[in-house]
C-alpha atoms as a PDB file:
ATOM      1  CA  UNK A   1       5.298 -13.802   3.102  1.00  0.00           C
ATOM      2  CA  UNK A   2       7.333 -12.974   6.123  1.00  0.00           C
ATOM      3  CA  UNK A   3       7.732  -9.412   5.068  1.00  0.00           C
ATOM      4  CA  UNK A   4       4.000  -9.148   4.236  1.00  0.00           C
ATOM      5  CA  UNK A   5       3.142 -10.448   7.744  1.00  0.00           C
ATOM      6  CA  UNK A   6       5.485  -7.989   9.353  1.00  0.00           C
ATOM      7  CA  UNK A   7       4.044  -5.038   7.437  1.00  0.00           C
ATOM      8  CA  UNK A   8       0.444  -6.056   8.093  1.00  0.00           C
ATOM      9  CA  UNK A   9       1.163  -5.972  11.780  1.00  0.00           C
ATOM     10  CA  UNK A  10       3.196  -2.713  11.817  1.00  0.00           C
ATOM     11  CA  UNK A  11       2.410  -0.518   8.814  1.00  0.00           C
ATOM     12  CA  UNK A  12      -0.640  -1.096   6.792  1.00  0.00           C
ATOM     13  CA  UNK A  13       0.372   1.351   4.025  1.00  0.00           C
ATOM     14  CA  UNK A  14       3.704  -0.614   3.516  1.00  0.00           C
ATOM     15  CA  UNK A  15       1.643  -3.840   3.521  1.00  0.00           C
ATOM     16  CA  UNK A  16      -0.680  -2.711   0.769  1.00  0.00           C
ATOM     17  CA  UNK A  17       2.263  -1.347  -1.345  1.00  0.00           C
ATOM     18  CA  UNK A  18       4.174  -4.613  -0.789  1.00  0.00           C
ATOM     19  CA  UNK A  19       1.280  -6.681  -1.789  1.00  0.00           C
ATOM     20  CA  UNK A  20       0.664  -4.583  -4.891  1.00  0.00           C
ATOM     21  CA  UNK A  21       4.264  -5.405  -5.784  1.00  0.00           C
ATOM     22  CA  UNK A  22       3.739  -9.098  -5.122  1.00  0.00           C
ATOM     23  CA  UNK A  23       0.636  -9.061  -7.419  1.00  0.00           C
ATOM     24  CA  UNK A  24       2.749  -7.506 -10.171  1.00  0.00           C
ATOM     25  CA  UNK A  25       5.598  -9.983  -9.552  1.00  0.00           C
ATOM     26  CA  UNK A  26       3.226 -12.871  -9.878  1.00  0.00           C
ATOM     27  CA  UNK A  27       1.773 -11.435 -13.034  1.00  0.00           C
ATOM     28  CA  UNK A  28       5.190 -11.139 -14.503  1.00  0.00           C
ATOM     29  CA  UNK A  29       5.440 -14.853 -14.113  1.00  0.00           C
ATOM     30  CA  UNK A  30       2.030 -15.374 -15.625  1.00  0.00           C
ATOM     31  CA  UNK A  31       0.806 -16.704 -12.248  1.00  0.00           C
ATOM     32  CA  UNK A  32       2.975 -19.773 -12.926  1.00  0.00           C
ATOM     33  CA  UNK A  33       3.792 -21.278  -9.501  1.00  0.00           C
ATOM     34  CA  UNK A  34       6.652 -23.329 -10.878  1.00  0.00           C
ATOM     35  CA  UNK A  35       8.346 -20.313 -12.300  1.00  0.00           C
ATOM     36  CA  UNK A  36       7.839 -18.381  -9.006  1.00  0.00           C
ATOM     37  CA  UNK A  37       9.275 -21.316  -7.043  1.00  0.00           C
ATOM     38  CA  UNK A  38      12.393 -21.473  -9.312  1.00  0.00           C
ATOM     39  CA  UNK A  39      12.932 -17.723  -9.770  1.00  0.00           C
ATOM     40  CA  UNK A  40      11.682 -16.135  -6.562  1.00  0.00           C
ATOM     41  CA  UNK A  41      11.440 -18.653  -3.674  1.00  0.00           C
ATOM     42  CA  UNK A  42      14.667 -20.460  -4.495  1.00  0.00           C
ATOM     43  CA  UNK A  43      16.477 -17.155  -4.117  1.00  0.00           C
ATOM     44  CA  UNK A  44      15.652 -16.940  -0.407  1.00  0.00           C
ATOM     45  CA  UNK A  45      17.706 -20.049   0.361  1.00  0.00           C
ATOM     46  CA  UNK A  46      15.163 -21.226   2.910  1.00  0.00           C
ATOM     47  CA  UNK A  47      14.990 -24.491   4.686  1.00  0.00           C
ATOM     48  CA  UNK A  48      12.509 -27.069   3.309  1.00  0.00           C
ATOM     49  CA  UNK A  49       9.687 -26.198   5.836  1.00  0.00           C
ATOM     50  CA  UNK A  50       9.963 -22.419   5.214  1.00  0.00           C
ATOM     51  CA  UNK A  51      10.247 -22.906   1.479  1.00  0.00           C
ATOM     52  CA  UNK A  52       7.110 -25.091   1.458  1.00  0.00           C
ATOM     53  CA  UNK A  53       5.259 -22.451   3.525  1.00  0.00           C
ATOM     54  CA  UNK A  54       6.223 -19.702   1.094  1.00  0.00           C
ATOM     55  CA  UNK A  55       5.227 -21.843  -1.867  1.00  0.00           C
ATOM     56  CA  UNK A  56       1.852 -22.463  -0.290  1.00  0.00           C
ATOM     57  CA  UNK A  57       1.444 -18.715   0.380  1.00  0.00           C
ATOM     58  CA  UNK A  58       2.222 -17.840  -3.279  1.00  0.00           C
ATOM     59  CA  UNK A  59      -0.018 -20.668  -4.489  1.00  0.00           C
ATOM     60  CA  UNK A  60      -2.924 -19.321  -2.366  1.00  0.00           C
ATOM     61  CA  UNK A  61      -2.429 -15.830  -3.687  1.00  0.00           C
ATOM     62  CA  UNK A  62      -2.477 -17.143  -7.248  1.00  0.00           C
ATOM     63  CA  UNK A  63      -5.658 -18.955  -6.492  1.00  0.00           C
ATOM     64  CA  UNK A  64      -7.338 -15.871  -5.064  1.00  0.00           C
ATOM     65  CA  UNK A  65      -6.192 -13.734  -7.945  1.00  0.00           C
ATOM     66  CA  UNK A  66      -7.723 -16.226 -10.410  1.00  0.00           C
ATOM     67  CA  UNK A  67     -10.875 -16.480  -8.448  1.00  0.00           C
ATOM     68  CA  UNK A  68     -11.245 -12.769  -8.160  1.00  0.00           C
ATOM     69  CA  UNK A  69     -10.405 -12.144 -11.774  1.00  0.00           C
ATOM     70  CA  UNK A  70      -7.377 -10.036 -11.167  1.00  0.00           C
ATOM     71  CA  UNK A  71      -4.982 -12.077 -13.280  1.00  0.00           C
ATOM     72  CA  UNK A  72      -4.016  -9.114 -15.476  1.00  0.00           C
ATOM     73  CA  UNK A  73      -4.885  -6.008 -13.496  1.00  0.00           C
ATOM     74  CA  UNK A  74      -6.571  -4.836 -10.417  1.00  0.00           C
ATOM     75  CA  UNK A  75      -6.041  -5.906  -6.777  1.00  0.00           C
ATOM     76  CA  UNK A  76      -7.163  -8.599  -4.458  1.00  0.00           C
ATOM     77  CA  UNK A  77     -10.386  -7.979  -2.540  1.00  0.00           C
ATOM     78  CA  UNK A  78      -8.437  -7.807   0.734  1.00  0.00           C
ATOM     79  CA  UNK A  79      -6.338  -5.001  -0.511  1.00  0.00           C
ATOM     80  CA  UNK A  80      -9.365  -3.156  -1.960  1.00  0.00           C
ATOM     81  CA  UNK A  81     -11.011  -3.443   1.473  1.00  0.00           C
ATOM     82  CA  UNK A  82      -7.951  -2.070   3.230  1.00  0.00           C
ATOM     83  CA  UNK A  83      -7.831   0.828   0.766  1.00  0.00           C
ATOM     84  CA  UNK A  84     -11.601   1.448   1.625  1.00  0.00           C
ATOM     85  CA  UNK A  85     -10.710   1.445   5.325  1.00  0.00           C
ATOM     86  CA  UNK A  86      -7.836   3.879   4.832  1.00  0.00           C
ATOM     87  CA  UNK A  87      -9.960   6.210   2.680  1.00  0.00           C
ATOM     88  CA  UNK A  88     -12.689   6.169   5.418  1.00  0.00           C
ATOM     89  CA  UNK A  89     -10.184   6.787   8.226  1.00  0.00           C
ATOM     90  CA  UNK A  90      -8.601   9.577   6.103  1.00  0.00           C
ATOM     91  CA  UNK A  91     -11.997  11.324   5.981  1.00  0.00           C
ATOM     92  CA  UNK A  92     -12.699  10.611   9.692  1.00  0.00           C
ATOM     93  CA  UNK A  93      -9.372  12.069  10.755  1.00  0.00           C
ATOM     94  CA  UNK A  94     -10.067  15.186   8.845  1.00  0.00           C
ATOM     95  CA  UNK A  95     -13.661  15.662  10.133  1.00  0.00           C
ATOM     96  CA  UNK A  96     -14.749  13.508  13.083  1.00  0.00           C
ATOM     97  CA  UNK A  97     -11.415  13.247  14.874  1.00  0.00           C
ATOM     98  CA  UNK A  98     -10.122  16.579  13.714  1.00  0.00           C
ATOM     99  CA  UNK A  99      -6.666  15.312  13.749  1.00  0.00           C
ATOM    100  CA  UNK A 100      -4.720  18.617  13.570  1.00  0.00           C
ATOM    101  CA  UNK A 101      -1.319  16.834  12.772  1.00  0.00           C
ATOM    102  CA  UNK A 102      -2.945  14.847   9.957  1.00  0.00           C
ATOM    103  CA  UNK A 103      -4.650  17.980   8.609  1.00  0.00           C
ATOM    104  CA  UNK A 104      -1.253  19.713   8.471  1.00  0.00           C
ATOM    105  CA  UNK A 105       0.427  16.782   6.791  1.00  0.00           C
ATOM    106  CA  UNK A 106      -2.326  16.738   4.198  1.00  0.00           C
ATOM    107  CA  UNK A 107      -1.980  20.447   3.571  1.00  0.00           C
ATOM    108  CA  UNK A 108       1.787  19.939   3.058  1.00  0.00           C
ATOM    109  CA  UNK A 109       1.215  17.145   0.583  1.00  0.00           C
ATOM    110  CA  UNK A 110      -1.755  18.837  -1.143  1.00  0.00           C
ATOM    111  CA  UNK A 111       0.166  20.392  -4.062  1.00  0.00           C
ATOM    112  CA  UNK A 112       2.041  17.082  -4.754  1.00  0.00           C
ATOM    113  CA  UNK A 113      -1.194  15.111  -4.589  1.00  0.00           C
ATOM    114  CA  UNK A 114      -2.899  17.497  -7.001  1.00  0.00           C
ATOM    115  CA  UNK A 115       0.024  17.250  -9.498  1.00  0.00           C
ATOM    116  CA  UNK A 116      -0.333  13.389  -9.221  1.00  0.00           C
ATOM    117  CA  UNK A 117      -4.026  13.540  -9.747  1.00  0.00           C
ATOM    118  CA  UNK A 118      -3.544  15.741 -12.890  1.00  0.00           C
ATOM    119  CA  UNK A 119      -1.068  13.212 -14.319  1.00  0.00           C
ATOM    120  CA  UNK A 120      -3.372  10.226 -13.479  1.00  0.00           C
ATOM    121  CA  UNK A 121      -5.259   8.624 -16.327  1.00  0.00           C
ATOM    122  CA  UNK A 122      -7.677   7.069 -13.943  1.00  0.00           C
ATOM    123  CA  UNK A 123      -9.860  10.213 -13.363  1.00  0.00           C
ATOM    124  CA  UNK A 124     -10.672  11.642  -9.991  1.00  0.00           C
ATOM    125  CA  UNK A 125      -9.300   9.732  -7.016  1.00  0.00           C
ATOM    126  CA  UNK A 126      -9.246  10.272  -3.301  1.00  0.00           C
ATOM    127  CA  UNK A 127      -6.162  11.706  -1.768  1.00  0.00           C
ATOM    128  CA  UNK A 128      -5.360   8.258  -0.343  1.00  0.00           C
ATOM    129  CA  UNK A 129      -5.663   6.549  -3.743  1.00  0.00           C
ATOM    130  CA  UNK A 130      -3.550   9.151  -5.311  1.00  0.00           C
ATOM    131  CA  UNK A 131      -0.922   8.978  -2.642  1.00  0.00           C
ATOM    132  CA  UNK A 132      -0.807   5.227  -2.764  1.00  0.00           C
ATOM    133  CA  UNK A 133      -0.501   5.174  -6.556  1.00  0.00           C
ATOM    134  CA  UNK A 134       2.259   7.813  -6.430  1.00  0.00           C
ATOM    135  CA  UNK A 135       4.191   5.875  -3.751  1.00  0.00           C
ATOM    136  CA  UNK A 136       3.776   2.648  -5.698  1.00  0.00           C
ATOM    137  CA  UNK A 137       5.079   4.342  -8.872  1.00  0.00           C
ATOM    138  CA  UNK A 138       8.280   5.416  -7.060  1.00  0.00           C
ATOM    139  CA  UNK A 139       8.689   2.050  -5.563  1.00  0.00           C
ATOM    140  CA  UNK A 140       8.545   0.430  -9.021  1.00  0.00           C
ATOM    141  CA  UNK A 141      11.044   3.013 -10.353  1.00  0.00           C
ATOM    142  CA  UNK A 142      13.400   2.181  -7.530  1.00  0.00           C
ATOM    143  CA  UNK A 143      12.929  -1.607  -7.967  1.00  0.00           C
ATOM    144  CA  UNK A 144      13.743  -1.166 -11.638  1.00  0.00           C
ATOM    145  CA  UNK A 145      16.857   0.887 -10.705  1.00  0.00           C
ATOM    146  CA  UNK A 146      15.453   3.878 -12.571  1.00  0.00           C
ATOM    147  CA  UNK A 147      16.329   7.530 -11.796  1.00  0.00           C
ATOM    148  CA  UNK A 148      13.857   9.273  -9.440  1.00  0.00           C
ATOM    149  CA  UNK A 149      14.048  13.045  -9.990  1.00  0.00           C
ATOM    150  CA  UNK A 150      14.729  15.332  -7.098  1.00  0.00           C
ATOM    151  CA  UNK A 151      11.332  16.986  -7.534  1.00  0.00           C
ATOM    152  CA  UNK A 152       9.631  13.587  -7.373  1.00  0.00           C
ATOM    153  CA  UNK A 153      11.580  12.636  -4.210  1.00  0.00           C
ATOM    154  CA  UNK A 154      10.634  15.902  -2.536  1.00  0.00           C
ATOM    155  CA  UNK A 155       6.933  15.303  -3.511  1.00  0.00           C
ATOM    156  CA  UNK A 156       7.026  11.809  -2.188  1.00  0.00           C
ATOM    157  CA  UNK A 157       8.522  12.963   1.172  1.00  0.00           C
ATOM    158  CA  UNK A 158       5.411  14.924   2.084  1.00  0.00           C
ATOM    159  CA  UNK A 159       3.136  12.233   0.800  1.00  0.00           C
ATOM    160  CA  UNK A 160       5.060   9.559   2.726  1.00  0.00           C
ATOM    161  CA  UNK A 161       4.797  11.547   5.962  1.00  0.00           C
ATOM    162  CA  UNK A 162       1.071  11.965   5.524  1.00  0.00           C
ATOM    163  CA  UNK A 163       0.648   8.198   4.804  1.00  0.00           C
ATOM    164  CA  UNK A 164       2.779   7.253   7.715  1.00  0.00           C
ATOM    165  CA  UNK A 165       0.580   9.175  10.078  1.00  0.00           C
ATOM    166  CA  UNK A 166      -2.520   7.639   8.476  1.00  0.00           C
ATOM    167  CA  UNK A 167      -0.877   4.117   9.005  1.00  0.00           C
ATOM    168  CA  UNK A 168      -0.217   4.834  12.602  1.00  0.00           C
ATOM    169  CA  UNK A 169      -3.783   6.055  13.192  1.00  0.00           C
ATOM    170  CA  UNK A 170      -5.053   2.892  11.441  1.00  0.00           C
ATOM    171  CA  UNK A 171      -3.209   0.719  13.844  1.00  0.00           C
ATOM    172  CA  UNK A 172      -4.431   2.789  16.747  1.00  0.00           C
ATOM    173  CA  UNK A 173      -7.959   2.350  15.385  1.00  0.00           C
ATOM    174  CA  UNK A 174      -7.600  -1.394  15.070  1.00  0.00           C
ATOM    175  CA  UNK A 175      -6.319  -1.554  18.561  1.00  0.00           C
ATOM    176  CA  UNK A 176      -9.252   0.451  19.881  1.00  0.00           C
ATOM    177  CA  UNK A 177      -6.999   3.363  20.885  1.00  0.00           C
ATOM    178  CA  UNK A 178      -8.235   6.078  18.555  1.00  0.00           C
ATOM    179  CA  UNK A 179     -10.448   8.401  20.505  1.00  0.00           C
ATOM    180  CA  UNK A 180     -12.388  11.550  19.630  1.00  0.00           C
ATOM    181  CA  UNK A 181     -10.858  14.891  20.635  1.00  0.00           C
ATOM    182  CA  UNK A 182     -11.959  16.151  24.073  1.00  0.00           C
ATOM    183  CA  UNK A 183     -12.985  19.514  22.587  1.00  0.00           C
ATOM    184  CA  UNK A 184     -14.294  19.473  19.057  1.00  0.00           C
ATOM    185  CA  UNK A 185     -13.568  22.556  17.011  1.00  0.00           C
ATOM    186  CA  UNK A 186     -16.928  22.582  15.193  1.00  0.00           C
END
């Protein structure tokens, strides 16, 4: 909960990835709040007030997951909306804002993204969806203490740089500090 709050304020991409992990964690406990309290929350060694706050946060997420029908797969509506915003911003940075730095980062990540798309069973996805799924896959491997190949690490590096830039621009947009270029190249 505290980590999610920090990420939401500072790095929206990390927030979405973290929340995807939390969704999977709760599913691994069959959305059983008692099991989450005993096996997850208790491990934080929090005081009673903080523990109660965290328990309420998990209980609320479980309630939302059940109401939104994402008990077994899929993502919370809030996370889907954030993904839509990121995809829209991605397209806007490439076209309307003509963000040269972002265009270069996308070009560097292009081959890695295409490789991920070709391995994806979900069909055609946007570059942002592909990038997020790739980053999440690597996160899961690391959390499970599985080996991440050097080639995968190299691919993730360019994707991570692209997504970090997108996240910074997202926060600039939310703050009202993202402006159109003075001279548009079209």
